[in-house]
Amino acid sequence: MEIEAAIENEYKRLMAFCQSKELPEYMLNISQEWSQGIWKMYWALLEKVKTGFEGKSVVDFGCKYGHLLPMLVAQGAKEAIGIDAEDSYVEAGQAVFEILYPNVRILKSEFGYIPLQPETIDIIVANEVISHINPGYLETVYVEFARILKPGGILLISDGNNLENKQCLGTLLPFYEAWENGPDGMKTDRDTVVESYLTRRKKIIKAHHPDLEPACVEELALNTSGLFGDFLLRVIDEYVRSGELIRRPYRRGVCPTNPGSTGVVIERGFFPLQVEMSLASYGIDCYLASRQQPEKAEGCVERLKDIYSYARSRLSDRPCKRAPKVGQPEARGNEPENFTIIGIKK
């Protein structure tokens, strides 16, 4: 197809640009992977946006370095904006994509806030992102999505941690345990734990108070699970000052938190209805891409009542008085591992 050829050409152009510059090896390697065809996996996802991208202002939220952006440009996006919370990703992406494309920007999100004006965006793509946003910031992200989308704008959220799939939690629990406690270098069925979060907390504590005894560092690291950034440092300071510590040991089943400044979490699981209910309360009507799209957009309040009633029925095993009009999902356990939610801003 013509559009696929255009996408391929953009990634060849990207690769040629990267090879002509003195760029870090990781940028060269990732750009090569995209130019060799990784973009095709994302092509299938973006096809779920039935309006297309021609002439649209599009945000890739959680863009990392920004490698999805050439694909949006190739499909005619008027403006392609990458958003990420990590300075290293934003800076590396700006050094490549903002130079290569005049209609591309890469911006930083802090505490879940998005630095864009209200009702300026036609489409938001958030692929494999919500499971890495600290829960304390996630509702802010949803509110910001609703704020920046134009009326009728489209939100696409896709994630691979679907708790409606009965195997998902069983897979996640040992993965969480490995990332929290290690040992460092442990291989999981998803990746390798190069450095556990327990180890990282020990390093942060030792760097912040070099004179602490190893046993004290160990005690602090074991009892500050889930803390990150400045708050972690303040808790450590208070312990050094007063000897008092509110103990927060890791609890099995809790999605672990990177103790770095942004508090990224690792593969947090979701029931898709959780996501739908939150977005509906902020004025974004949603449906699972595996279900039939509603023929007529519903009001947010009515949609939220439907979702809430249905969620209660699933939790209590009682008949649902107000089944979602978009159609009920399959019985739990038959859900796919990935879920994709399409939202429309009212």
C-alpha atoms as a PDB file:
ATOM      1  CA  MET A   1       0.000   0.000   0.000  1.00  0.00           C
ATOM      2  CA  GLU A   2       1.074   3.584  -0.671  1.00  0.00           C
ATOM      3  CA  ILE A   3       0.893   4.624   2.983  1.00  0.00           C
ATOM      4  CA  GLU A   4       3.008   1.683   4.115  1.00  0.00           C
ATOM      5  CA  ALA A   5       5.656   2.589   1.547  1.00  0.00           C
ATOM      6  CA  ALA A   6       5.626   6.161   2.879  1.00  0.00           C
ATOM      7  CA  ILE A   7       6.152   4.870   6.441  1.00  0.00           C
ATOM      8  CA  GLU A   8       9.047   2.653   5.335  1.00  0.00           C
ATOM      9  CA  ASN A   9      10.660   5.621   3.605  1.00  0.00           C
ATOM     10  CA  GLU A  10      10.414   7.751   6.752  1.00  0.00           C
ATOM     11  CA  TYR A  11      12.220   5.127   8.821  1.00  0.00           C
ATOM     12  CA  LYS A  12      14.891   4.756   6.151  1.00  0.00           C
ATOM     13  CA  ARG A  13      15.279   8.521   6.291  1.00  0.00           C
ATOM     14  CA  LEU A  14      15.540   8.347  10.075  1.00  0.00           C
ATOM     15  CA  MET A  15      18.211   5.665   9.883  1.00  0.00           C
ATOM     16  CA  ALA A  16      20.238   7.651   7.348  1.00  0.00           C
ATOM     17  CA  PHE A  17      20.039  10.715   9.615  1.00  0.00           C
ATOM     18  CA  CYS A  18      21.171   8.725  12.660  1.00  0.00           C
ATOM     19  CA  GLN A  19      24.097   7.218  10.769  1.00  0.00           C
ATOM     20  CA  SER A  20      25.209  10.679   9.624  1.00  0.00           C
ATOM     21  CA  LYS A  21      25.435  11.994  13.197  1.00  0.00           C
ATOM     22  CA  GLU A  22      27.490  11.068  16.227  1.00  0.00           C
ATOM     23  CA  LEU A  23      24.620   9.590  18.220  1.00  0.00           C
ATOM     24  CA  PRO A  24      24.648   7.188  21.185  1.00  0.00           C
ATOM     25  CA  GLU A  25      24.628   3.512  20.271  1.00  0.00           C
ATOM     26  CA  TYR A  26      21.206   2.916  21.825  1.00  0.00           C
ATOM     27  CA  MET A  27      19.633   5.490  19.476  1.00  0.00           C
ATOM     28  CA  LEU A  28      21.251   3.852  16.472  1.00  0.00           C
ATOM     29  CA  ASN A  29      20.121   0.389  17.573  1.00  0.00           C
ATOM     30  CA  ILE A  30      16.512   1.387  18.255  1.00  0.00           C
ATOM     31  CA  SER A  31      16.268   3.363  15.024  1.00  0.00           C
ATOM     32  CA  GLN A  32      17.568   0.356  13.130  1.00  0.00           C
ATOM     33  CA  GLU A  33      14.957  -1.908  14.711  1.00  0.00           C
ATOM     34  CA  TRP A  34      12.190   0.473  13.642  1.00  0.00           C
ATOM     35  CA  SER A  35      13.577   0.786  10.120  1.00  0.00           C
ATOM     36  CA  GLN A  36      13.719  -3.024   9.868  1.00  0.00           C
ATOM     37  CA  GLY A  37       9.997  -3.390  10.552  1.00  0.00           C
ATOM     38  CA  ILE A  38       9.033  -2.953  14.211  1.00  0.00           C
ATOM     39  CA  TRP A  39       6.742  -0.152  13.023  1.00  0.00           C
ATOM     40  CA  LYS A  40       4.420  -2.796  11.514  1.00  0.00           C
ATOM     41  CA  MET A  41       3.306  -3.869  15.003  1.00  0.00           C
ATOM     42  CA  TYR A  42       2.223  -0.296  15.712  1.00  0.00           C
ATOM     43  CA  TRP A  43       0.584   0.040  12.300  1.00  0.00           C
ATOM     44  CA  ALA A  44      -1.985  -2.599  13.289  1.00  0.00           C
ATOM     45  CA  LEU A  45      -2.737  -0.653  16.482  1.00  0.00           C
ATOM     46  CA  LEU A  46      -3.055   2.745  14.784  1.00  0.00           C
ATOM     47  CA  GLU A  47      -5.498   1.315  12.259  1.00  0.00           C
ATOM     48  CA  LYS A  48      -8.016   1.203  15.122  1.00  0.00           C
ATOM     49  CA  VAL A  49      -8.221   5.009  14.851  1.00  0.00           C
ATOM     50  CA  LYS A  50     -10.793   4.982  12.060  1.00  0.00           C
ATOM     51  CA  THR A  51     -10.622   8.723  11.362  1.00  0.00           C
ATOM     52  CA  GLY A  52      -7.013   8.501  10.188  1.00  0.00           C
ATOM     53  CA  PHE A  53      -4.309  11.057  11.000  1.00  0.00           C
ATOM     54  CA  GLU A  54      -4.384  13.349   7.958  1.00  0.00           C
ATOM     55  CA  GLY A  55      -4.311  16.997   9.043  1.00  0.00           C
ATOM     56  CA  LYS A  56      -4.600  16.080  12.734  1.00  0.00           C
ATOM     57  CA  SER A  57      -2.662  17.211  15.803  1.00  0.00           C
ATOM     58  CA  VAL A  58      -1.538  13.964  17.439  1.00  0.00           C
ATOM     59  CA  VAL A  59       0.098  13.222  20.791  1.00  0.00           C
ATOM     60  CA  ASP A  60       2.112  10.075  21.506  1.00  0.00           C
ATOM     61  CA  PHE A  61       1.939  10.002  25.305  1.00  0.00           C
ATOM     62  CA  GLY A  62       4.809   8.024  26.829  1.00  0.00           C
ATOM     63  CA  CYS A  63       6.769   8.342  23.602  1.00  0.00           C
ATOM     64  CA  LYS A  64      10.144   7.338  25.071  1.00  0.00           C
ATOM     65  CA  TYR A  65      12.624   8.618  22.428  1.00  0.00           C
ATOM     66  CA  GLY A  66       9.873   9.352  19.890  1.00  0.00           C
ATOM     67  CA  HIS A  67      10.144   6.550  17.339  1.00  0.00           C
ATOM     68  CA  LEU A  68       6.400   6.442  16.668  1.00  0.00           C
ATOM     69  CA  LEU A  69       6.404  10.058  15.496  1.00  0.00           C
ATOM     70  CA  PRO A  70       7.759   9.438  11.941  1.00  0.00           C
ATOM     71  CA  MET A  71       4.875   7.034  11.440  1.00  0.00           C
ATOM     72  CA  LEU A  72       2.387   9.755  12.360  1.00  0.00           C
ATOM     73  CA  VAL A  73       4.119  12.222  10.025  1.00  0.00           C
ATOM     74  CA  ALA A  74       3.997   9.682   7.186  1.00  0.00           C
ATOM     75  CA  GLN A  75       0.236   9.376   7.698  1.00  0.00           C
ATOM     76  CA  GLY A  76      -0.244  13.095   7.250  1.00  0.00           C
ATOM     77  CA  ALA A  77      -0.366  14.399  10.819  1.00  0.00           C
ATOM     78  CA  LYS A  78      -0.298  18.190  10.859  1.00  0.00           C
ATOM     79  CA  GLU A  79       1.582  18.062  14.156  1.00  0.00           C
ATOM     80  CA  ALA A  80       3.119  15.097  15.988  1.00  0.00           C
ATOM     81  CA  ILE A  81       3.959  15.663  19.657  1.00  0.00           C
ATOM     82  CA  GLY A  82       5.801  13.199  21.864  1.00  0.00           C
ATOM     83  CA  ILE A  83       5.346  13.431  25.644  1.00  0.00           C
ATOM     84  CA  ASP A  84       7.467  11.631  28.244  1.00  0.00           C
ATOM     85  CA  ALA A  85       8.390  12.019  31.909  1.00  0.00           C
ATOM     86  CA  GLU A  86      12.043  10.998  31.687  1.00  0.00           C
ATOM     87  CA  ASP A  87      14.576  13.750  30.943  1.00  0.00           C
ATOM     88  CA  SER A  88      16.945  11.356  29.171  1.00  0.00           C
ATOM     89  CA  TYR A  89      14.235  10.219  26.741  1.00  0.00           C
ATOM     90  CA  VAL A  90      13.028  13.751  26.021  1.00  0.00           C
ATOM     91  CA  GLU A  91      16.509  15.144  25.442  1.00  0.00           C
ATOM     92  CA  ALA A  92      17.596  12.262  23.204  1.00  0.00           C
ATOM     93  CA  GLY A  93      14.385  12.463  21.174  1.00  0.00           C
ATOM     94  CA  GLN A  94      14.614  16.228  20.728  1.00  0.00           C
ATOM     95  CA  ALA A  95      18.157  15.871  19.372  1.00  0.00           C
ATOM     96  CA  VAL A  96      16.863  13.651  16.562  1.00  0.00           C
ATOM     97  CA  PHE A  97      13.190  14.083  15.770  1.00  0.00           C
ATOM     98  CA  GLU A  98      12.818  17.824  16.326  1.00  0.00           C
ATOM     99  CA  ILE A  99      15.717  18.385  13.942  1.00  0.00           C
ATOM    100  CA  LEU A 100      14.484  15.911  11.344  1.00  0.00           C
ATOM    101  CA  TYR A 101      10.836  17.054  11.313  1.00  0.00           C
ATOM    102  CA  PRO A 102       9.631  20.677  11.503  1.00  0.00           C
ATOM    103  CA  ASN A 103       6.166  19.570  12.704  1.00  0.00           C
ATOM    104  CA  VAL A 104       7.438  17.408  15.599  1.00  0.00           C
ATOM    105  CA  ARG A 105       7.892  18.401  19.229  1.00  0.00           C
ATOM    106  CA  ILE A 106       8.942  16.312  22.225  1.00  0.00           C
ATOM    107  CA  LEU A 107       7.887  17.677  25.613  1.00  0.00           C
ATOM    108  CA  LYS A 108       8.247  16.645  29.238  1.00  0.00           C
ATOM    109  CA  SER A 109       5.346  15.705  31.502  1.00  0.00           C
ATOM    110  CA  GLU A 110       5.792  16.318  35.235  1.00  0.00           C
ATOM    111  CA  PHE A 111       3.563  14.776  37.919  1.00  0.00           C
ATOM    112  CA  GLY A 112       1.141  13.676  35.193  1.00  0.00           C
ATOM    113  CA  TYR A 113       0.583  17.175  33.785  1.00  0.00           C
ATOM    114  CA  ILE A 114       0.821  17.777  30.025  1.00  0.00           C
ATOM    115  CA  PRO A 115       2.277  21.121  28.792  1.00  0.00           C
ATOM    116  CA  LEU A 116      -0.335  21.764  26.076  1.00  0.00           C
ATOM    117  CA  GLN A 117      -3.253  24.179  25.843  1.00  0.00           C
ATOM    118  CA  PRO A 118      -6.883  23.003  26.269  1.00  0.00           C
ATOM    119  CA  GLU A 119      -8.739  21.456  23.314  1.00  0.00           C
ATOM    120  CA  THR A 120      -5.789  21.601  20.911  1.00  0.00           C
ATOM    121  CA  ILE A 121      -5.307  17.884  20.174  1.00  0.00           C
ATOM    122  CA  ASP A 122      -7.292  15.641  17.813  1.00  0.00           C
ATOM    123  CA  ILE A 123      -5.833  12.241  18.768  1.00  0.00           C
ATOM    124  CA  ILE A 124      -3.879  10.861  21.739  1.00  0.00           C
ATOM    125  CA  VAL A 125      -2.071   7.514  21.538  1.00  0.00           C
ATOM    126  CA  ALA A 126      -0.985   5.926  24.850  1.00  0.00           C
ATOM    127  CA  ASN A 127       0.489   2.519  24.025  1.00  0.00           C
ATOM    128  CA  GLU A 128       1.954   0.395  26.848  1.00  0.00           C
ATOM    129  CA  VAL A 129       2.123   3.484  29.059  1.00  0.00           C
ATOM    130  CA  ILE A 130      -0.544   3.467  31.781  1.00  0.00           C
ATOM    131  CA  SER A 131       1.011   0.382  33.417  1.00  0.00           C
ATOM    132  CA  HIS A 132       4.183   2.430  34.047  1.00  0.00           C
ATOM    133  CA  ILE A 133       2.633   5.646  35.403  1.00  0.00           C
ATOM    134  CA  ASN A 134       2.817   6.024  39.169  1.00  0.00           C
ATOM    135  CA  PRO A 135      -0.727   5.500  40.528  1.00  0.00           C
ATOM    136  CA  GLY A 136      -0.505   8.854  42.299  1.00  0.00           C
ATOM    137  CA  TYR A 137      -0.271  10.589  38.925  1.00  0.00           C
ATOM    138  CA  LEU A 138      -2.556   8.428  36.783  1.00  0.00           C
ATOM    139  CA  GLU A 139      -5.849  10.211  37.480  1.00  0.00           C
ATOM    140  CA  THR A 140      -4.107  13.499  36.696  1.00  0.00           C
ATOM    141  CA  VAL A 141      -3.068  12.022  33.352  1.00  0.00           C
ATOM    142  CA  TYR A 142      -6.667  11.058  32.588  1.00  0.00           C
ATOM    143  CA  VAL A 143      -7.885  14.563  33.496  1.00  0.00           C
ATOM    144  CA  GLU A 144      -5.185  16.056  31.270  1.00  0.00           C
ATOM    145  CA  PHE A 145      -6.192  13.807  28.365  1.00  0.00           C
ATOM    146  CA  ALA A 146      -9.729  15.152  28.637  1.00  0.00           C
ATOM    147  CA  ARG A 147      -8.476  18.737  28.928  1.00  0.00           C
ATOM    148  CA  ILE A 148      -6.237  18.777  25.834  1.00  0.00           C
ATOM    149  CA  LEU A 149      -8.543  16.782  23.524  1.00  0.00           C
ATOM    150  CA  LYS A 150     -10.849  18.709  21.231  1.00  0.00           C
ATOM    151  CA  PRO A 151     -14.561  17.819  21.433  1.00  0.00           C
ATOM    152  CA  GLY A 152     -14.919  14.646  19.389  1.00  0.00           C
ATOM    153  CA  GLY A 153     -11.194  13.965  19.784  1.00  0.00           C
ATOM    154  CA  ILE A 154     -10.017  10.366  20.047  1.00  0.00           C
ATOM    155  CA  LEU A 155      -7.999   8.645  22.775  1.00  0.00           C
ATOM    156  CA  LEU A 156      -6.403   5.259  22.102  1.00  0.00           C
ATOM    157  CA  ILE A 157      -5.089   3.378  25.157  1.00  0.00           C
ATOM    158  CA  SER A 158      -3.531  -0.059  24.728  1.00  0.00           C
ATOM    159  CA  ASP A 159      -1.804  -2.180  27.349  1.00  0.00           C
ATOM    160  CA  GLY A 160      -0.627  -5.742  27.814  1.00  0.00           C
ATOM    161  CA  ASN A 161      -1.500  -6.161  31.501  1.00  0.00           C
ATOM    162  CA  ASN A 162      -5.159  -7.145  31.394  1.00  0.00           C
ATOM    163  CA  LEU A 163      -6.406  -8.481  34.733  1.00  0.00           C
ATOM    164  CA  GLU A 164      -9.554  -9.731  32.995  1.00  0.00           C
ATOM    165  CA  ASN A 165      -7.239 -12.428  31.658  1.00  0.00           C
ATOM    166  CA  LYS A 166      -6.981 -14.995  34.466  1.00  0.00           C
ATOM    167  CA  GLN A 167      -3.363 -15.886  33.607  1.00  0.00           C
ATOM    168  CA  CYS A 168      -2.198 -12.291  33.780  1.00  0.00           C
ATOM    169  CA  LEU A 169      -1.956 -11.879  37.568  1.00  0.00           C
ATOM    170  CA  GLY A 170      -0.206 -15.226  37.944  1.00  0.00           C
ATOM    171  CA  THR A 171       2.420 -13.983  35.505  1.00  0.00           C
ATOM    172  CA  LEU A 172       2.768 -10.579  37.133  1.00  0.00           C
ATOM    173  CA  LEU A 173       3.242 -11.660  40.770  1.00  0.00           C
ATOM    174  CA  PRO A 174       6.670 -13.315  40.363  1.00  0.00           C
ATOM    175  CA  PHE A 175       7.672 -10.522  37.998  1.00  0.00           C
ATOM    176  CA  TYR A 176       6.846  -7.911  40.660  1.00  0.00           C
ATOM    177  CA  GLU A 177       8.763  -9.914  43.266  1.00  0.00           C
ATOM    178  CA  ALA A 178      11.830 -10.093  41.033  1.00  0.00           C
ATOM    179  CA  TRP A 179      11.898  -6.377  40.265  1.00  0.00           C
ATOM    180  CA  GLU A 180      11.403  -5.398  43.904  1.00  0.00           C
ATOM    181  CA  ASN A 181      13.807  -7.802  45.603  1.00  0.00           C
ATOM    182  CA  GLY A 182      16.014  -9.278  42.885  1.00  0.00           C
ATOM    183  CA  PRO A 183      18.491 -10.832  42.930  1.00  0.00           C
ATOM    184  CA  ASP A 184      20.167  -8.445  40.508  1.00  0.00           C
ATOM    185  CA  GLY A 185      20.702 -10.056  37.116  1.00  0.00           C
ATOM    186  CA  MET A 186      17.725 -12.398  37.533  1.00  0.00           C
ATOM    187  CA  LYS A 187      16.032 -13.357  34.265  1.00  0.00           C
ATOM    188  CA  THR A 188      12.228 -13.223  34.164  1.00  0.00           C
ATOM    189  CA  ASP A 189       9.865 -14.345  31.421  1.00  0.00           C
ATOM    190  CA  ARG A 190       9.753 -10.700  30.272  1.00  0.00           C
ATOM    191  CA  ASP A 191      13.224  -9.271  30.792  1.00  0.00           C
ATOM    192  CA  THR A 192      16.296  -9.260  33.006  1.00  0.00           C
ATOM    193  CA  VAL A 193      16.323  -7.476  36.366  1.00  0.00           C
ATOM    194  CA  VAL A 194      19.594  -5.648  35.884  1.00  0.00           C
ATOM    195  CA  GLU A 195      19.231  -3.890  39.238  1.00  0.00           C
ATOM    196  CA  SER A 196      16.333  -4.462  41.632  1.00  0.00           C
ATOM    197  CA  TYR A 197      14.502  -1.565  43.251  1.00  0.00           C
ATOM    198  CA  LEU A 198      15.759  -2.733  46.643  1.00  0.00           C
ATOM    199  CA  THR A 199      19.330  -2.372  45.382  1.00  0.00           C
ATOM    200  CA  ARG A 200      18.522   1.055  43.945  1.00  0.00           C
ATOM    201  CA  ARG A 201      17.103   2.259  47.263  1.00  0.00           C
ATOM    202  CA  LYS A 202      20.253   1.080  49.030  1.00  0.00           C
ATOM    203  CA  LYS A 203      22.373   3.110  46.602  1.00  0.00           C
ATOM    204  CA  ILE A 204      20.185   6.196  47.002  1.00  0.00           C
ATOM    205  CA  ILE A 205      20.307   5.947  50.810  1.00  0.00           C
ATOM    206  CA  LYS A 206      24.069   5.394  50.860  1.00  0.00           C
ATOM    207  CA  ALA A 207      24.683   8.337  48.507  1.00  0.00           C
ATOM    208  CA  HIS A 208      22.397  10.605  50.551  1.00  0.00           C
ATOM    209  CA  HIS A 209      23.921   9.626  53.936  1.00  0.00           C
ATOM    210  CA  PRO A 210      27.359   8.064  53.293  1.00  0.00           C
ATOM    211  CA  ASP A 211      28.090   7.621  57.002  1.00  0.00           C
ATOM    212  CA  LEU A 212      25.204   5.230  57.700  1.00  0.00           C
ATOM    213  CA  GLU A 213      26.171   1.725  58.757  1.00  0.00           C
ATOM    214  CA  PRO A 214      25.431  -1.047  56.213  1.00  0.00           C
ATOM    215  CA  ALA A 215      22.883  -2.649  58.547  1.00  0.00           C
ATOM    216  CA  CYS A 216      21.069   0.671  58.850  1.00  0.00           C
ATOM    217  CA  VAL A 217      21.072   1.132  55.060  1.00  0.00           C
ATOM    218  CA  GLU A 218      19.641  -2.369  54.687  1.00  0.00           C
ATOM    219  CA  GLU A 219      16.905  -1.670  57.254  1.00  0.00           C
ATOM    220  CA  LEU A 220      15.932   1.582  55.573  1.00  0.00           C
ATOM    221  CA  ALA A 221      15.889   0.066  52.093  1.00  0.00           C
ATOM    222  CA  LEU A 222      13.711  -2.848  53.194  1.00  0.00           C
ATOM    223  CA  ASN A 223      11.168  -0.534  54.850  1.00  0.00           C
ATOM    224  CA  THR A 224      10.803   2.216  52.250  1.00  0.00           C
ATOM    225  CA  SER A 225       9.234   0.125  49.492  1.00  0.00           C
ATOM    226  CA  GLY A 226       7.127   2.214  47.110  1.00  0.00           C
ATOM    227  CA  LEU A 227       8.720   5.527  48.100  1.00  0.00           C
ATOM    228  CA  PHE A 228      10.539   7.583  45.501  1.00  0.00           C
ATOM    229  CA  GLY A 229      12.107  10.928  44.710  1.00  0.00           C
ATOM    230  CA  ASP A 230      12.173  13.735  47.254  1.00  0.00           C
ATOM    231  CA  PHE A 231       9.733  12.028  49.595  1.00  0.00           C
ATOM    232  CA  LEU A 232      12.048   9.018  49.930  1.00  0.00           C
ATOM    233  CA  LEU A 233      14.918  11.376  50.800  1.00  0.00           C
ATOM    234  CA  ARG A 234      12.816  13.202  53.404  1.00  0.00           C
ATOM    235  CA  VAL A 235      11.872   9.920  55.085  1.00  0.00           C
ATOM    236  CA  ILE A 236      15.546   8.959  55.240  1.00  0.00           C
ATOM    237  CA  ASP A 237      16.469  12.379  56.653  1.00  0.00           C
ATOM    238  CA  GLU A 238      13.802  12.088  59.345  1.00  0.00           C
ATOM    239  CA  TYR A 239      15.102   8.663  60.351  1.00  0.00           C
ATOM    240  CA  VAL A 240      18.668   9.980  60.611  1.00  0.00           C
ATOM    241  CA  ARG A 241      17.447  12.949  62.668  1.00  0.00           C
ATOM    242  CA  SER A 242      15.046  11.187  65.023  1.00  0.00           C
ATOM    243  CA  GLY A 243      15.592   7.451  64.665  1.00  0.00           C
ATOM    244  CA  GLU A 244      11.889   7.033  63.844  1.00  0.00           C
ATOM    245  CA  LEU A 245      10.701   5.167  60.769  1.00  0.00           C
ATOM    246  CA  ILE A 246       7.218   4.262  59.597  1.00  0.00           C
ATOM    247  CA  ARG A 247       7.890   0.843  58.158  1.00  0.00           C
ATOM    248  CA  ARG A 248       6.740   0.157  54.617  1.00  0.00           C
ATOM    249  CA  PRO A 249       8.045  -3.297  53.668  1.00  0.00           C
ATOM    250  CA  TYR A 250       7.218  -4.736  50.262  1.00  0.00           C
ATOM    251  CA  ARG A 251       3.927  -6.667  50.160  1.00  0.00           C
ATOM    252  CA  ARG A 252       3.427  -9.438  47.635  1.00  0.00           C
ATOM    253  CA  GLY A 253       1.101  -8.427  44.827  1.00  0.00           C
ATOM    254  CA  VAL A 254       1.885  -4.720  44.985  1.00  0.00           C
ATOM    255  CA  CYS A 255       3.259  -3.331  41.735  1.00  0.00           C
ATOM    256  CA  PRO A 256       6.801  -2.148  42.620  1.00  0.00           C
ATOM    257  CA  THR A 257       7.940   1.459  42.241  1.00  0.00           C
ATOM    258  CA  ASN A 258      11.230   2.699  40.853  1.00  0.00           C
ATOM    259  CA  PRO A 259      12.695   4.859  43.649  1.00  0.00           C
ATOM    260  CA  GLY A 260      13.999   7.355  41.067  1.00  0.00           C
ATOM    261  CA  SER A 261      12.570  10.859  40.846  1.00  0.00           C
ATOM    262  CA  THR A 262       9.513  10.094  38.640  1.00  0.00           C
ATOM    263  CA  GLY A 263       8.339   7.005  40.556  1.00  0.00           C
ATOM    264  CA  VAL A 264       7.711   4.870  37.479  1.00  0.00           C
ATOM    265  CA  VAL A 265       5.987   1.561  38.250  1.00  0.00           C
ATOM    266  CA  ILE A 266       6.614  -1.738  36.525  1.00  0.00           C
ATOM    267  CA  GLU A 267       3.833  -3.439  34.508  1.00  0.00           C
ATOM    268  CA  ARG A 268       0.893  -2.506  36.719  1.00  0.00           C
ATOM    269  CA  GLY A 269      -2.175  -4.624  35.913  1.00  0.00           C
ATOM    270  CA  PHE A 270      -5.617  -3.200  35.088  1.00  0.00           C
ATOM    271  CA  PHE A 271      -9.180  -4.305  34.717  1.00  0.00           C
ATOM    272  CA  PRO A 272     -10.216  -2.448  31.544  1.00  0.00           C
ATOM    273  CA  LEU A 273     -13.388  -1.301  33.330  1.00  0.00           C
ATOM    274  CA  GLN A 274     -11.191   0.602  35.795  1.00  0.00           C
ATOM    275  CA  VAL A 275      -9.839   2.659  32.934  1.00  0.00           C
ATOM    276  CA  GLU A 276     -13.243   3.130  31.290  1.00  0.00           C
ATOM    277  CA  MET A 277     -14.861   4.313  34.544  1.00  0.00           C
ATOM    278  CA  SER A 278     -12.151   6.898  35.224  1.00  0.00           C
ATOM    279  CA  LEU A 279     -12.219   8.300  31.706  1.00  0.00           C
ATOM    280  CA  ALA A 280     -16.029   8.392  31.620  1.00  0.00           C
ATOM    281  CA  SER A 281     -16.066  10.521  34.757  1.00  0.00           C
ATOM    282  CA  TYR A 282     -13.908  13.113  32.960  1.00  0.00           C
ATOM    283  CA  GLY A 283     -16.040  13.278  29.830  1.00  0.00           C
ATOM    284  CA  ILE A 284     -14.465  10.628  27.598  1.00  0.00           C
ATOM    285  CA  ASP A 285     -16.848   7.872  26.495  1.00  0.00           C
ATOM    286  CA  CYS A 286     -14.988   4.598  25.956  1.00  0.00           C
ATOM    287  CA  TYR A 287     -15.387   1.148  24.517  1.00  0.00           C
ATOM    288  CA  LEU A 288     -13.070  -1.823  24.220  1.00  0.00           C
ATOM    289  CA  ALA A 289     -11.841  -2.238  20.644  1.00  0.00           C
ATOM    290  CA  SER A 290     -12.832  -5.919  20.938  1.00  0.00           C
ATOM    291  CA  ARG A 291     -16.442  -4.826  21.446  1.00  0.00           C
ATOM    292  CA  GLN A 292     -18.771  -3.162  19.015  1.00  0.00           C
ATOM    293  CA  GLN A 293     -18.586   0.635  18.945  1.00  0.00           C
ATOM    294  CA  PRO A 294     -21.821   2.260  20.104  1.00  0.00           C
ATOM    295  CA  GLU A 295     -23.899   3.457  17.165  1.00  0.00           C
ATOM    296  CA  LYS A 296     -24.699   6.681  18.960  1.00  0.00           C
ATOM    297  CA  ALA A 297     -22.479   8.444  21.476  1.00  0.00           C
ATOM    298  CA  GLU A 298     -23.957   8.360  24.976  1.00  0.00           C
ATOM    299  CA  GLY A 299     -23.828  11.051  27.607  1.00  0.00           C
ATOM    300  CA  CYS A 300     -20.959  10.699  30.075  1.00  0.00           C
ATOM    301  CA  VAL A 301     -23.220  10.372  33.134  1.00  0.00           C
ATOM    302  CA  GLU A 302     -25.349   7.643  31.566  1.00  0.00           C
ATOM    303  CA  ARG A 303     -22.259   5.808  30.361  1.00  0.00           C
ATOM    304  CA  LEU A 304     -20.694   5.957  33.821  1.00  0.00           C
ATOM    305  CA  LYS A 305     -23.876   4.543  35.379  1.00  0.00           C
ATOM    306  CA  ASP A 306     -23.770   1.653  32.912  1.00  0.00           C
ATOM    307  CA  ILE A 307     -20.130   0.879  33.646  1.00  0.00           C
ATOM    308  CA  TYR A 308     -20.555   1.201  37.417  1.00  0.00           C
ATOM    309  CA  SER A 309     -23.585  -1.104  37.452  1.00  0.00           C
ATOM    310  CA  TYR A 310     -21.794  -3.633  35.307  1.00  0.00           C
ATOM    311  CA  ALA A 311     -18.649  -3.537  37.458  1.00  0.00           C
ATOM    312  CA  ARG A 312     -20.703  -4.149  40.614  1.00  0.00           C
ATOM    313  CA  SER A 313     -22.394  -7.115  38.978  1.00  0.00           C
ATOM    314  CA  ARG A 314     -19.013  -8.617  38.054  1.00  0.00           C
ATOM    315  CA  LEU A 315     -17.710  -8.231  41.594  1.00  0.00           C
ATOM    316  CA  SER A 316     -20.846  -9.528  43.328  1.00  0.00           C
ATOM    317  CA  ASP A 317     -21.974 -12.146  40.774  1.00  0.00           C
ATOM    318  CA  ARG A 318     -25.425 -10.549  40.790  1.00  0.00           C
ATOM    319  CA  PRO A 319     -27.385  -9.832  37.603  1.00  0.00           C
ATOM    320  CA  CYS A 320     -26.588  -6.467  36.077  1.00  0.00           C
ATOM    321  CA  LYS A 321     -29.543  -4.082  35.850  1.00  0.00           C
ATOM    322  CA  ARG A 322     -27.775  -1.758  33.444  1.00  0.00           C
ATOM    323  CA  ALA A 323     -25.499  -3.737  31.154  1.00  0.00           C
ATOM    324  CA  PRO A 324     -23.131  -1.559  29.105  1.00  0.00           C
ATOM    325  CA  LYS A 325     -24.787  -0.805  25.797  1.00  0.00           C
ATOM    326  CA  VAL A 326     -21.561  -1.379  23.939  1.00  0.00           C
ATOM    327  CA  GLY A 327     -21.846  -5.115  24.645  1.00  0.00           C
ATOM    328  CA  GLN A 328     -20.463  -7.222  27.450  1.00  0.00           C
ATOM    329  CA  PRO A 329     -16.984  -8.725  27.209  1.00  0.00           C
ATOM    330  CA  GLU A 330     -16.435 -12.432  27.121  1.00  0.00           C
ATOM    331  CA  ALA A 331     -16.392 -14.392  30.378  1.00  0.00           C
ATOM    332  CA  ARG A 332     -13.365 -13.659  32.500  1.00  0.00           C
ATOM    333  CA  GLY A 333     -10.404 -15.782  31.516  1.00  0.00           C
ATOM    334  CA  ASN A 334     -11.217 -15.635  27.819  1.00  0.00           C
ATOM    335  CA  GLU A 335     -10.129 -12.015  27.536  1.00  0.00           C
ATOM    336  CA  PRO A 336      -6.963 -11.434  25.472  1.00  0.00           C
ATOM    337  CA  GLU A 337      -3.786 -10.501  27.296  1.00  0.00           C
ATOM    338  CA  ASN A 338      -3.754  -7.065  25.669  1.00  0.00           C
ATOM    339  CA  PHE A 339      -6.644  -4.633  25.820  1.00  0.00           C
ATOM    340  CA  THR A 340      -7.248  -1.603  23.637  1.00  0.00           C
ATOM    341  CA  ILE A 341      -9.662   1.126  24.665  1.00  0.00           C
ATOM    342  CA  ILE A 342     -10.985   3.770  22.293  1.00  0.00           C
ATOM    343  CA  GLY A 343     -12.279   6.952  23.909  1.00  0.00           C
ATOM    344  CA  ILE A 344     -14.193   9.866  22.389  1.00  0.00           C
ATOM    345  CA  LYS A 345     -14.142  13.278  24.088  1.00  0.00           C
ATOM    346  CA  LYS A 346     -17.649  14.663  24.596  1.00  0.00           C
END
